């Protein structure tokens, strides 16, 4: 059976809601809900709608296949892969669509109205349309997801099955055994029959049309043509239900969405008047600028105020530690005799607890990243100023250690803010985000140990040489020059490696914006000889500090640098695993792995030689 191609239109709509990416979408859903009462009264009216559905109800096709061959045949023929329609006892259409479209490795079907799928659909839509807030983001997300779930349940309960459908996308796997695990839902879209006069005036001869809304793709599966397949499924639904026109609304400044719709065959038929569009664009740009600047300024203030409790206590301690009449003298006496334990106490209460609470309130543990570069500077000044240690170290070695630590910190801070586009708290580390999804509701307490307690072990351990430098008084030696050379070499290598990586990422972004193919792998400069030269430089810095402490008779401090190196080796594995999961660069990166050293810069080897060695 041959089917005609459905016509498409887009109604362009400006963003009318302050600071809310999903504001218009929610309003649209509410509009649909208001229209629902009228549809409940009128959906059985005789005429064009019922006659078309009766003709469609008699159509059948073969079951959906997930093989590449069948998908190719589907795209070439334009036929519907699979649907089954049967008439209920009341004479109305009861649609059960097993598969509408199978393409690009994905298939789209109608959502099964059971608890697991309904909740997953609401989660995908909530994640797509939720706008992050600076404070209590997780809490607001839960409320928003509950609102999305409530709206979905309302539409399912009050909409006839041939006037509303929620379509879901999943992997087109061929395993259909009863014991097999159902494929994960990765995308969703709503289609609803509407009859808005303002839209019908653009649709010649149409009494109703099919409205597309709520299109969303799971965050981990974006840019894999899932949205394209969902739109194709909407077209199939319009043919099945007998409607010539598909309609959707898009924000005029959402260029990515507009490009997607245009490529799917949609056309713009109406929009705001020019003067209205210009006014809204200026208003939206100003509000967006205020929101971004407000968040950036807020996070900057929080970051600068966060260490104040430790700094104020330390100043008070230095001023009164030798005053036996002070009310806190017993505490100050303990702090005087245990400088290393006091450093751990500062870290635990000010970083572990306070930063953790700030992260919970903001729903983002971003602050540990910039402070990773600042805490060693605070520690080296803490050790130098501690009254028990102040007379027990070589002043020149202390000053050199301070200068080197400042240079290292400035270099790493510059790289961090350059990568984050000079924003405070724009995002948290991607590894924390992955763990947030992995641990779900338990993340609030897991994060305390996974992020903060672990950072205390790493940072206190890896800066132990700074403690030794300020607790042992020995004359300057040749080993100090060797330590300086290794530390500076590490800083320079890390700087150039990170700069080359930044330029590579920036250039790829420019190529992507121009619609040109990107370069999958960086293999120039230091990256030609090492897959992670920035990590190598960072490790040189820490092991250079170990040379300082080793020359002072405390070689045991290598334990901190060793733990840090082992942790970075695991991070290297995570980074490379993430690279291999990106389909557009996986093969090129595998070849890169075969020919290039992981950390220590070395000459390239041929892929064949490495394969033979395995």
Protein backbone atom coordinates (compact mmCIF):
# COMPACT_ATOMS: atom_id res chain seq x y z
CA UNK A 1 0.00 0.00 0.00
CA UNK A 2 1.38 3.40 -0.94
CA UNK A 3 1.17 6.41 1.35
CA UNK A 4 1.42 10.08 0.53
CA UNK A 5 4.03 12.26 2.19
CA UNK A 6 2.54 14.41 4.95
CA UNK A 7 2.90 18.18 4.69
CA UNK A 8 4.74 20.05 7.42
CA UNK A 9 4.69 23.58 8.80
CA UNK A 10 6.44 25.39 11.59
CA UNK A 11 4.89 28.16 13.60
CA UNK A 12 7.82 30.22 14.85
CA UNK A 13 7.34 31.58 18.36
CA UNK A 14 9.60 33.89 20.31
CA UNK A 15 10.65 32.99 23.84
CA UNK A 16 8.05 34.70 26.01
CA UNK A 17 9.11 33.45 29.43
CA UNK A 18 11.89 34.98 31.51
CA UNK A 19 14.93 32.84 31.97
CA UNK A 20 13.06 29.62 31.18
CA UNK A 21 14.18 27.48 28.30
CA UNK A 22 11.14 25.28 28.71
CA UNK A 23 8.60 27.98 29.56
CA UNK A 24 6.89 28.05 26.20
CA UNK A 25 6.86 24.27 26.02
CA UNK A 26 5.06 24.02 29.37
CA UNK A 27 2.61 26.66 28.27
CA UNK A 28 2.00 24.69 25.10
CA UNK A 29 1.28 21.54 27.10
CA UNK A 30 -1.15 23.44 29.28
CA UNK A 31 -2.77 24.80 26.17
CA UNK A 32 -3.19 21.22 24.99
CA UNK A 33 -4.74 20.30 28.32
CA UNK A 34 -7.22 23.16 28.05
CA UNK A 35 -8.13 22.01 24.56
CA UNK A 36 -8.56 18.49 25.90
CA UNK A 37 -11.99 19.13 27.42
CA UNK A 38 -13.28 20.18 24.01
CA UNK A 39 -11.69 17.15 22.37
CA UNK A 40 -13.31 14.84 24.91
CA UNK A 41 -16.70 16.13 23.84
CA UNK A 42 -16.06 16.22 20.12
CA UNK A 43 -13.65 13.43 19.24
CA UNK A 44 -16.43 11.05 18.12
CA UNK A 45 -18.09 13.50 15.77
CA UNK A 46 -18.87 11.94 12.37
CA UNK A 47 -17.28 13.11 9.15
CA UNK A 48 -13.78 13.41 7.82
CA UNK A 49 -11.96 12.14 10.91
CA UNK A 50 -13.89 8.88 11.42
CA UNK A 51 -13.96 8.00 7.73
CA UNK A 52 -10.21 8.42 7.45
CA UNK A 53 -9.59 6.35 10.54
CA UNK A 54 -11.84 3.59 9.24
CA UNK A 55 -9.77 3.39 6.06
CA UNK A 56 -6.51 3.35 8.00
CA UNK A 57 -7.78 0.73 10.45
CA UNK A 58 -7.82 -1.94 7.77
CA UNK A 59 -4.13 -1.56 6.93
CA UNK A 60 -1.52 -4.04 8.17
CA UNK A 61 2.17 -4.60 7.58
CA UNK A 62 4.99 -6.89 8.55
CA UNK A 63 6.71 -6.73 11.93
CA UNK A 64 9.51 -4.24 12.39
CA UNK A 65 12.98 -5.53 11.68
CA UNK A 66 16.11 -4.04 13.18
CA UNK A 67 18.65 -5.18 10.63
CA UNK A 68 20.47 -2.68 8.50
CA UNK A 69 19.05 -4.18 5.36
CA UNK A 70 15.45 -3.74 6.45
CA UNK A 71 16.15 -0.22 7.64
CA UNK A 72 17.62 0.64 4.27
CA UNK A 73 14.62 -0.83 2.51
CA UNK A 74 12.36 1.21 4.76
CA UNK A 75 14.10 4.44 3.92
CA UNK A 76 14.05 3.72 0.23
CA UNK A 77 10.43 2.66 -0.01
CA UNK A 78 8.98 5.11 2.48
CA UNK A 79 6.64 2.41 3.77
CA UNK A 80 5.62 1.97 7.37
CA UNK A 81 7.58 -0.86 8.94
CA UNK A 82 4.94 -2.21 11.25
CA UNK A 83 1.62 -1.34 12.77
CA UNK A 84 -1.48 -3.21 13.73
CA UNK A 85 -4.83 -1.48 14.05
CA UNK A 86 -7.99 -3.17 15.25
CA UNK A 87 -11.46 -1.93 15.94
CA UNK A 88 -12.79 -2.07 19.49
CA UNK A 89 -16.19 -3.21 20.55
CA UNK A 90 -17.48 0.35 20.55
CA UNK A 91 -16.56 0.78 16.90
CA UNK A 92 -13.77 3.21 17.70
CA UNK A 93 -10.13 2.81 16.69
CA UNK A 94 -7.87 1.15 19.23
CA UNK A 95 -4.29 1.56 17.95
CA UNK A 96 -1.49 -0.72 18.99
CA UNK A 97 1.68 0.35 17.18
CA UNK A 98 4.60 -1.97 17.69
CA UNK A 99 6.99 -0.09 15.45
CA UNK A 100 6.55 2.96 13.28
CA UNK A 101 10.07 3.64 12.07
CA UNK A 102 13.38 1.82 12.16
CA UNK A 103 16.36 3.87 10.99
CA UNK A 104 19.91 4.78 12.02
CA UNK A 105 19.90 1.97 14.58
CA UNK A 106 16.79 3.25 16.40
CA UNK A 107 13.13 2.31 16.27
CA UNK A 108 10.12 4.31 17.38
CA UNK A 109 6.91 2.88 18.79
CA UNK A 110 3.99 3.98 20.89
CA UNK A 111 4.65 4.14 24.61
CA UNK A 112 3.33 1.23 26.64
CA UNK A 113 1.14 2.64 29.40
CA UNK A 114 2.87 0.97 32.32
CA UNK A 115 4.69 2.50 35.28
CA UNK A 116 8.29 1.93 34.15
CA UNK A 117 7.88 3.51 30.73
CA UNK A 118 5.72 6.38 31.94
CA UNK A 119 8.29 7.37 34.56
CA UNK A 120 11.16 7.02 32.11
CA UNK A 121 9.38 9.25 29.58
CA UNK A 122 8.77 11.92 32.23
CA UNK A 123 12.42 11.72 33.26
CA UNK A 124 13.68 12.21 29.69
CA UNK A 125 11.39 15.19 29.10
CA UNK A 126 12.22 16.73 32.47
CA UNK A 127 15.97 16.44 31.88
CA UNK A 128 15.59 18.00 28.43
CA UNK A 129 13.47 21.00 29.46
CA UNK A 130 14.63 21.69 33.01
CA UNK A 131 16.65 24.87 33.46
CA UNK A 132 19.32 24.52 36.12
CA UNK A 133 19.19 26.85 39.11
CA UNK A 134 22.06 28.05 41.26
CA UNK A 135 20.44 26.83 44.46
CA UNK A 136 18.61 23.58 45.21
CA UNK A 137 18.72 22.46 41.60
CA UNK A 138 18.05 18.79 42.42
CA UNK A 139 15.01 19.71 44.51
CA UNK A 140 13.54 21.92 41.78
CA UNK A 141 14.22 19.19 39.24
CA UNK A 142 12.20 16.71 41.31
CA UNK A 143 9.27 19.15 41.41
CA UNK A 144 9.55 19.79 37.68
CA UNK A 145 9.68 16.07 36.89
CA UNK A 146 6.58 15.55 39.04
CA UNK A 147 4.82 18.27 37.02
CA UNK A 148 5.85 16.63 33.74
CA UNK A 149 4.68 13.23 35.01
CA UNK A 150 1.35 14.70 36.12
CA UNK A 151 0.79 16.29 32.71
CA UNK A 152 1.65 13.04 30.94
CA UNK A 153 -0.76 11.03 33.09
CA UNK A 154 -3.50 13.60 32.49
CA UNK A 155 -3.10 13.35 28.73
CA UNK A 156 -3.04 9.56 28.79
CA UNK A 157 -6.17 9.32 30.92
CA UNK A 158 -8.22 11.97 29.16
CA UNK A 159 -7.19 11.68 25.52
CA UNK A 160 -8.71 9.19 23.05
CA UNK A 161 -6.02 6.84 21.72
CA UNK A 162 -6.44 8.17 18.21
CA UNK A 163 -6.21 11.83 19.22
CA UNK A 164 -3.06 11.68 21.31
CA UNK A 165 0.02 9.45 21.26
CA UNK A 166 3.28 9.45 23.14
CA UNK A 167 6.00 7.95 20.95
CA UNK A 168 9.25 6.58 22.34
CA UNK A 169 12.57 5.71 20.71
CA UNK A 170 14.78 2.79 21.66
CA UNK A 171 17.65 0.81 20.18
CA UNK A 172 16.56 -1.39 17.26
CA UNK A 173 17.82 -4.62 18.84
CA UNK A 174 16.83 -7.96 17.43
CA UNK A 175 16.52 -9.78 20.78
CA UNK A 176 12.82 -10.36 21.38
CA UNK A 177 13.02 -13.35 23.77
CA UNK A 178 10.81 -13.20 26.88
CA UNK A 179 13.83 -13.24 29.22
CA UNK A 180 15.66 -10.43 27.45
CA UNK A 181 15.94 -7.04 29.10
CA UNK A 182 13.80 -4.37 27.40
CA UNK A 183 15.82 -1.77 25.46
CA UNK A 184 16.46 1.54 27.15
CA UNK A 185 14.20 4.41 26.11
CA UNK A 186 16.32 7.21 24.65
CA UNK A 187 13.83 9.67 23.15
CA UNK A 188 10.21 10.78 23.31
CA UNK A 189 7.75 12.98 21.43
CA UNK A 190 4.05 13.81 21.83
CA UNK A 191 1.58 14.05 18.94
CA UNK A 192 -1.88 15.52 19.47
CA UNK A 193 -4.81 16.31 17.17
CA UNK A 194 -5.69 20.01 17.43
CA UNK A 195 -7.88 22.55 15.63
CA UNK A 196 -6.52 25.98 16.62
CA UNK A 197 -7.95 28.65 14.31
CA UNK A 198 -4.74 30.66 14.23
CA UNK A 199 -2.96 27.65 12.74
CA UNK A 200 -5.78 26.36 10.52
CA UNK A 201 -5.82 29.61 8.57
CA UNK A 202 -2.42 28.57 7.19
CA UNK A 203 -3.57 25.03 6.31
CA UNK A 204 -5.61 24.99 3.14
CA UNK A 205 -8.73 22.84 3.43
CA UNK A 206 -7.80 21.36 6.80
CA UNK A 207 -10.23 21.02 9.68
CA UNK A 208 -7.69 19.58 12.12
CA UNK A 209 -3.97 18.95 12.21
CA UNK A 210 -1.44 16.89 14.09
CA UNK A 211 0.60 18.89 16.59
CA UNK A 212 4.12 17.77 17.55
CA UNK A 213 5.43 18.77 21.00
CA UNK A 214 7.67 17.69 23.85
CA UNK A 215 10.38 16.20 21.64
CA UNK A 216 13.26 15.20 23.89
CA UNK A 217 16.33 12.97 23.70
CA UNK A 218 18.22 11.51 26.64
CA UNK A 219 21.37 13.50 27.38
CA UNK A 220 23.77 10.59 26.80
CA UNK A 221 22.29 9.82 23.35
CA UNK A 222 22.15 13.23 21.69
CA UNK A 223 23.54 13.88 18.20
CA UNK A 224 22.75 10.33 17.11
CA UNK A 225 19.82 11.16 14.79
CA UNK A 226 17.24 10.07 17.36
CA UNK A 227 15.28 13.32 16.97
CA UNK A 228 15.25 12.79 13.20
CA UNK A 229 13.78 9.31 13.64
CA UNK A 230 11.18 10.65 16.10
CA UNK A 231 10.04 13.26 13.57
CA UNK A 232 9.79 10.56 10.92
CA UNK A 233 7.56 8.56 13.27
CA UNK A 234 5.31 11.61 13.71
CA UNK A 235 4.93 11.69 9.95
CA UNK A 236 3.91 8.03 9.98
CA UNK A 237 1.32 8.73 12.66
CA UNK A 238 -0.13 11.56 10.60
CA UNK A 239 -0.54 9.18 7.66
CA UNK A 240 -2.05 6.45 9.81
CA UNK A 241 -4.54 8.79 11.39
CA UNK A 242 -5.35 10.48 8.11
CA UNK A 243 -4.02 14.00 8.67
CA UNK A 244 -2.26 15.91 5.96
CA UNK A 245 -0.47 18.47 8.11
CA UNK A 246 2.09 18.19 10.88
CA UNK A 247 2.53 21.36 12.95
CA UNK A 248 5.05 22.36 15.58
CA UNK A 249 6.32 25.53 17.17
CA UNK A 250 9.97 26.52 17.53
CA UNK A 251 11.80 29.42 19.08
CA UNK A 252 13.17 31.70 16.41
CA UNK A 253 16.60 31.93 18.08
CA UNK A 254 16.89 28.15 18.51
CA UNK A 255 18.93 27.65 15.34
CA UNK A 256 19.75 24.02 16.10
CA UNK A 257 16.11 23.01 16.42
CA UNK A 258 15.16 24.98 13.32
CA UNK A 259 17.86 23.24 11.29
CA UNK A 260 16.59 19.86 12.50
CA UNK A 261 13.02 20.67 11.47
CA UNK A 262 14.02 22.11 8.11
CA UNK A 263 16.04 19.00 7.29
CA UNK A 264 12.97 16.92 8.16
CA UNK A 265 10.89 18.79 5.55
CA UNK A 266 9.14 21.39 7.71
CA UNK A 267 8.54 24.93 6.48
CA UNK A 268 8.07 28.21 8.34
CA UNK A 269 4.62 29.63 7.68
CA UNK A 270 4.17 32.24 10.40
CA UNK A 271 6.00 34.07 13.14
CA UNK A 272 6.04 37.18 15.24
CA UNK A 273 6.01 40.59 13.51
CA UNK A 274 9.47 42.05 13.00
CA UNK A 275 9.15 44.72 15.65
CA UNK A 276 7.85 42.21 18.21
CA UNK A 277 10.65 39.79 17.35
CA UNK A 278 13.24 42.55 17.72
CA UNK A 279 11.86 43.69 21.09
CA UNK A 280 11.76 40.16 22.44
CA UNK A 281 15.27 39.45 21.17
CA UNK A 282 16.62 42.50 23.01
CA UNK A 283 14.65 41.67 26.15
CA UNK A 284 15.72 38.03 26.11
CA UNK A 285 19.38 38.89 25.45
CA UNK A 286 19.41 41.32 28.37
CA UNK A 287 17.73 38.86 30.74
CA UNK A 288 20.03 36.08 29.63
CA UNK A 289 23.07 38.29 30.20
CA UNK A 290 21.81 39.22 33.66
CA UNK A 291 21.16 35.59 34.54
CA UNK A 292 24.60 34.45 33.39
CA UNK A 293 26.43 37.36 35.01
CA UNK A 294 24.39 36.99 38.18
CA UNK A 295 25.24 33.30 38.48
CA UNK A 296 28.90 33.93 37.66
CA UNK A 297 29.17 36.72 40.23
CA UNK A 298 27.33 34.69 42.85
CA UNK A 299 29.65 31.71 42.42
CA UNK A 300 32.72 33.95 42.48
CA UNK A 301 31.62 35.50 45.78
CA UNK A 302 30.95 32.05 47.25
CA UNK A 303 34.36 30.82 46.12
CA UNK A 304 36.19 33.76 47.70
CA UNK A 305 34.23 33.60 50.97
CA UNK A 306 34.39 29.81 51.36
CA UNK A 307 37.89 29.59 52.94
CA UNK A 308 37.27 32.49 55.36
CA UNK A 309 36.43 30.26 58.38
CA UNK A 310 39.84 28.56 58.24
CA UNK A 311 41.70 31.81 57.52
CA UNK A 312 40.04 33.70 60.38
CA UNK A 313 40.62 30.86 62.83
CA UNK A 314 44.26 30.58 61.80
CA UNK A 315 44.85 34.31 62.24
CA UNK A 316 43.28 34.13 65.69
CA UNK A 317 45.41 31.09 66.54
CA UNK A 318 48.67 32.80 65.52
CA UNK A 319 47.73 35.89 67.54
CA UNK A 320 46.77 34.09 70.77
CA UNK A 321 48.44 30.66 70.83
CA UNK A 322 50.94 31.83 73.51
CA UNK A 323 48.33 33.51 75.71
CA UNK A 324 47.37 31.07 78.51
CA UNK A 325 44.53 33.34 79.62
CA UNK A 326 42.68 33.11 76.31
CA UNK A 327 39.44 31.15 76.44
CA UNK A 328 40.55 28.95 73.53
CA UNK A 329 44.05 28.35 74.85
CA UNK A 330 43.62 24.53 75.25
CA UNK A 331 42.51 24.30 71.62
CA UNK A 332 45.27 26.64 70.45
CA UNK A 333 47.83 24.61 72.39
CA UNK A 334 46.78 21.45 70.56
CA UNK A 335 46.93 23.30 67.23
CA UNK A 336 50.44 24.50 68.10
CA UNK A 337 51.81 21.02 68.76
CA UNK A 338 50.09 19.26 65.82
CA UNK A 339 50.53 21.32 62.63
CA UNK A 340 49.87 18.41 60.25
CA UNK A 341 46.74 17.32 62.10
CA UNK A 342 45.54 20.93 62.14
CA UNK A 343 45.94 21.08 58.35
CA UNK A 344 43.77 17.96 58.08
CA UNK A 345 41.20 19.49 60.45
CA UNK A 346 41.03 22.65 58.33
CA UNK A 347 40.55 20.53 55.24
CA UNK A 348 37.88 18.34 56.81
CA UNK A 349 35.69 21.08 58.25
CA UNK A 350 36.21 23.82 55.67
CA UNK A 351 36.50 21.78 52.47
CA UNK A 352 34.91 18.41 53.12
CA UNK A 353 31.94 19.66 55.12
CA UNK A 354 31.42 23.26 53.95
CA UNK A 355 32.15 22.67 50.26
CA UNK A 356 30.01 19.53 50.36
CA UNK A 357 27.05 21.45 51.82
CA UNK A 358 27.47 24.19 49.21
CA UNK A 359 27.55 21.50 46.52
CA UNK A 360 24.32 19.98 47.84
CA UNK A 361 22.58 23.35 47.90
CA UNK A 362 23.77 24.22 44.38
CA UNK A 363 23.39 20.64 43.06
CA UNK A 364 26.86 20.99 41.56
CA UNK A 365 30.21 20.11 43.13
CA UNK A 366 32.14 22.51 40.92
CA UNK A 367 34.07 24.30 43.65
CA UNK A 368 36.58 21.54 44.36
CA UNK A 369 38.07 21.98 40.87
CA UNK A 370 39.28 25.60 41.18
CA UNK A 371 40.33 24.95 44.77
CA UNK A 372 42.48 22.01 43.71
CA UNK A 373 44.78 24.69 42.30
CA UNK A 374 44.48 27.00 45.34
CA UNK A 375 44.76 24.61 48.30
CA UNK A 376 48.50 23.81 47.79
CA UNK A 377 49.20 27.58 47.86
CA UNK A 378 47.23 27.93 51.10
CA UNK A 379 49.07 24.93 52.57
CA UNK A 380 52.57 26.18 51.72
CA UNK A 381 51.82 29.53 53.41
CA UNK A 382 50.21 27.71 56.33
CA UNK A 383 53.33 25.60 56.92
CA UNK A 384 55.62 28.62 56.54
CA UNK A 385 53.64 30.68 59.06
CA UNK A 386 52.96 27.98 61.67
CA UNK A 387 54.73 29.06 64.90
CA UNK A 388 56.09 25.58 65.68
CA UNK A 389 57.72 25.32 62.25
CA UNK A 390 58.71 28.95 61.69
CA UNK A 391 62.25 28.57 63.04
CA UNK A 392 63.00 25.05 61.82
CA UNK A 393 63.54 25.37 58.07
CA UNK A 394 65.83 26.87 55.45
CA UNK A 395 64.37 30.22 54.44
CA UNK A 396 65.68 30.06 50.86
CA UNK A 397 64.25 26.61 50.23
CA UNK A 398 60.93 27.79 51.67
CA UNK A 399 60.83 30.84 49.39
CA UNK A 400 61.67 28.75 46.32
CA UNK A 401 58.92 26.26 47.22
CA UNK A 402 56.43 29.13 47.60
CA UNK A 403 57.36 30.66 44.24
CA UNK A 404 57.16 27.31 42.45
CA UNK A 405 53.78 26.54 44.04
CA UNK A 406 52.44 29.93 42.99
CA UNK A 407 53.67 29.43 39.41
CA UNK A 408 52.11 25.95 39.30
CA UNK A 409 48.82 27.28 40.72
CA UNK A 410 48.61 30.21 38.29
CA UNK A 411 49.28 27.89 35.35
CA UNK A 412 46.63 25.37 36.37
CA UNK A 413 44.08 28.06 37.34
CA UNK A 414 44.55 29.76 33.98
CA UNK A 415 43.94 26.47 32.18
CA UNK A 416 40.82 25.75 34.27
CA UNK A 417 39.16 29.12 33.68
CA UNK A 418 40.19 29.18 30.01
CA UNK A 419 38.50 25.80 29.58
CA UNK A 420 35.40 27.05 31.42
CA UNK A 421 35.25 30.27 29.34
CA UNK A 422 36.18 32.33 32.41
CA UNK A 423 33.02 31.33 34.25
CA UNK A 424 32.76 30.43 37.93
CA UNK A 425 30.87 27.19 38.45
CA UNK A 426 29.53 26.86 34.91
CA UNK A 427 29.60 23.08 35.29
CA UNK A 428 30.96 20.35 37.50
CA UNK A 429 33.51 17.75 36.46
CA UNK A 430 32.02 15.25 33.98
CA UNK A 431 33.14 12.38 36.22
CA UNK A 432 31.02 13.77 39.06
CA UNK A 433 28.07 14.08 36.69
CA UNK A 434 28.46 10.46 35.61
CA UNK A 435 28.57 9.33 39.24
CA UNK A 436 25.52 11.47 40.01
CA UNK A 437 23.55 9.48 37.41
CA UNK A 438 25.10 6.21 38.57
CA UNK A 439 24.24 6.56 42.28
CA UNK A 440 20.92 8.36 41.88
CA UNK A 441 19.26 9.15 45.22
CA UNK A 442 22.33 7.97 47.17
CA UNK A 443 24.59 10.52 45.53
CA UNK A 444 24.00 13.13 48.25
CA UNK A 445 26.03 11.11 50.80
CA UNK A 446 28.27 9.21 48.37
CA UNK A 447 29.55 12.55 47.05
CA UNK A 448 30.96 13.41 50.48
CA UNK A 449 33.38 10.49 50.33
CA UNK A 450 33.86 10.18 46.56
CA UNK A 451 34.67 13.85 46.01
CA UNK A 452 35.78 15.49 49.24
CA UNK A 453 37.28 12.89 51.59
CA UNK A 454 39.21 11.43 48.67
CA UNK A 455 40.49 14.90 47.73
CA UNK A 456 41.78 15.36 51.28
CA UNK A 457 43.79 12.15 50.98
CA UNK A 458 45.21 13.23 47.64
CA UNK A 459 45.97 16.87 48.41
CA UNK A 460 47.34 16.46 51.93
CA UNK A 461 49.34 13.45 50.78
CA UNK A 462 50.75 14.99 47.64
CA UNK A 463 51.79 18.19 49.48
CA UNK A 464 53.65 16.35 52.26
CA UNK A 465 56.99 17.51 50.76
CA UNK A 466 55.90 21.10 51.48
CA UNK A 467 55.47 20.13 55.13
CA UNK A 468 58.93 18.52 55.19
CA UNK A 469 60.50 21.60 53.56
CA UNK A 470 59.19 23.69 56.48
CA UNK A 471 60.09 21.25 59.25
CA UNK A 472 63.73 20.35 58.40
CA UNK A 473 66.60 22.84 58.39
CA UNK A 474 69.42 21.71 56.12
CA UNK A 475 71.72 23.75 53.88
CA UNK A 476 71.08 24.13 50.18
CA UNK A 477 72.34 21.26 48.00
CA UNK A 478 72.57 20.17 44.37
CA UNK A 479 69.44 18.07 44.87
CA UNK A 480 67.48 21.28 45.37
CA UNK A 481 68.55 22.42 41.91
CA UNK A 482 67.48 19.05 40.51
CA UNK A 483 64.09 19.41 42.20
CA UNK A 484 63.65 22.91 40.76
CA UNK A 485 64.51 21.64 37.28
CA UNK A 486 62.00 18.76 37.46
CA UNK A 487 59.24 21.00 38.88
CA UNK A 488 59.72 23.70 36.23
CA UNK A 489 59.91 21.08 33.47
CA UNK A 490 56.60 19.64 34.60
CA UNK A 491 54.94 23.08 34.70
CA UNK A 492 56.22 24.00 31.22
CA UNK A 493 55.24 20.67 29.65
CA UNK A 494 51.76 20.80 31.20
CA UNK A 495 51.28 24.40 30.04
CA UNK A 496 52.16 23.71 26.41
CA UNK A 497 50.18 20.45 26.34
CA UNK A 498 47.05 22.11 27.73
CA UNK A 499 47.46 25.07 25.37
CA UNK A 500 47.74 22.78 22.35
CA UNK A 501 44.66 20.86 23.51
CA UNK A 502 42.71 24.10 24.00
CA UNK A 503 43.61 25.30 20.50
CA UNK A 504 42.60 21.93 19.05
CA UNK A 505 39.20 21.97 20.78
CA UNK A 506 38.60 25.60 19.78
CA UNK A 507 39.42 24.91 16.14
CA UNK A 508 37.13 21.87 16.07
CA UNK A 509 34.29 23.98 17.48
CA UNK A 510 34.82 26.53 14.71
CA UNK A 511 34.83 23.80 12.06
CA UNK A 512 31.63 22.36 13.51
CA UNK A 513 29.90 25.75 13.44
CA UNK A 514 30.82 26.14 9.76
CA UNK A 515 29.46 22.68 8.98
CA UNK A 516 32.89 21.30 8.12
CA UNK A 517 34.29 17.92 9.25
CA UNK A 518 36.22 18.01 12.52
CA UNK A 519 39.61 16.47 13.29
CA UNK A 520 39.01 13.34 15.40
CA UNK A 521 42.36 13.18 17.23
CA UNK A 522 45.06 15.63 18.26
CA UNK A 523 48.41 14.28 17.02
CA UNK A 524 50.52 17.43 16.78
CA UNK A 525 53.03 19.03 19.11
CA UNK A 526 53.55 17.18 22.39
CA UNK A 527 50.48 15.07 21.63
CA UNK A 528 52.38 13.38 18.82
CA UNK A 529 54.66 11.70 21.36
CA UNK A 530 52.24 11.14 24.26
CA UNK A 531 48.49 10.60 24.50
CA UNK A 532 48.41 12.58 27.76
CA UNK A 533 51.41 14.93 27.91
CA UNK A 534 49.50 17.26 30.25
CA UNK A 535 49.17 14.43 32.78
CA UNK A 536 52.87 13.65 32.38
CA UNK A 537 53.80 17.26 33.10
CA UNK A 538 51.53 17.35 36.14
CA UNK A 539 53.17 14.23 37.57
CA UNK A 540 56.65 15.68 37.00
CA UNK A 541 55.65 18.63 39.18
CA UNK A 542 54.60 16.46 42.12
CA UNK A 543 57.58 14.13 41.85
CA UNK A 544 59.84 17.18 41.71
CA UNK A 545 58.53 18.15 45.15
CA UNK A 546 59.35 14.63 46.34
CA UNK A 547 63.00 15.25 45.38
CA UNK A 548 63.01 18.18 47.83
CA UNK A 549 61.81 16.03 50.72
CA UNK A 550 63.98 13.06 49.70
CA UNK A 551 67.08 15.25 49.86
CA UNK A 552 66.03 16.21 53.41
CA UNK A 553 65.93 12.59 54.53
CA UNK A 554 62.17 12.01 54.21
CA UNK A 555 61.82 9.89 51.10
CA UNK A 556 58.68 8.26 52.55
CA UNK A 557 56.69 11.26 51.29
CA UNK A 558 56.76 9.64 47.84
CA UNK A 559 53.61 7.80 48.98
CA UNK A 560 51.44 10.86 48.29
CA UNK A 561 52.81 11.32 44.77
CA UNK A 562 52.47 7.58 44.12
CA UNK A 563 48.79 7.57 45.16
CA UNK A 564 48.16 10.61 42.98
CA UNK A 565 49.87 8.93 40.01
CA UNK A 566 47.80 5.78 40.49
CA UNK A 567 44.62 7.87 40.63
CA UNK A 568 45.60 9.73 37.47
CA UNK A 569 46.27 6.40 35.76
CA UNK A 570 42.66 5.44 36.51
CA UNK A 571 41.46 8.82 35.25
CA UNK A 572 43.42 8.17 32.05
CA UNK A 573 41.49 4.94 31.60
CA UNK A 574 38.17 6.78 32.11
CA UNK A 575 39.11 9.50 29.62
CA UNK A 576 40.18 7.04 26.94
CA UNK A 577 37.09 4.90 27.49
CA UNK A 578 35.00 8.03 26.99
CA UNK A 579 36.87 8.81 23.77
CA UNK A 580 36.23 5.32 22.43
CA UNK A 581 32.50 5.70 23.07
CA UNK A 582 32.34 8.64 20.64
CA UNK A 583 31.56 6.98 17.33
CA UNK A 584 33.02 9.78 15.17
CA UNK A 585 36.50 9.38 16.67
CA UNK A 586 36.61 5.83 18.06
CA UNK A 587 38.49 4.20 15.18
CA UNK A 588 41.00 7.04 14.85
CA UNK A 589 41.64 6.98 18.58
CA UNK A 590 42.24 3.21 18.55
CA UNK A 591 44.94 3.75 15.94
CA UNK A 592 46.31 6.59 18.06
CA UNK A 593 46.52 4.24 21.05
CA UNK A 594 48.44 1.67 19.02
CA UNK A 595 51.13 4.10 17.89
CA UNK A 596 51.52 6.59 20.75
CA UNK A 597 52.83 6.27 24.31
CA UNK A 598 50.24 6.75 27.06
CA UNK A 599 52.13 9.14 29.38
CA UNK A 600 55.88 9.34 28.91
CA UNK A 601 56.66 11.07 25.58
CA UNK A 602 58.30 8.69 23.13
CA UNK A 603 58.68 8.14 19.41
CA UNK A 604 55.70 6.74 17.54
CA UNK A 605 55.58 3.02 16.75
CA UNK A 606 53.93 1.36 13.77
CA UNK A 607 50.50 -0.24 14.41
CA UNK A 608 51.71 -3.52 12.94
CA UNK A 609 54.63 -3.77 15.35
CA UNK A 610 52.39 -3.29 18.36
CA UNK A 611 49.86 -5.83 17.07
CA UNK A 612 52.63 -8.42 16.66
CA UNK A 613 53.85 -7.82 20.20
CA UNK A 614 50.38 -8.66 21.47
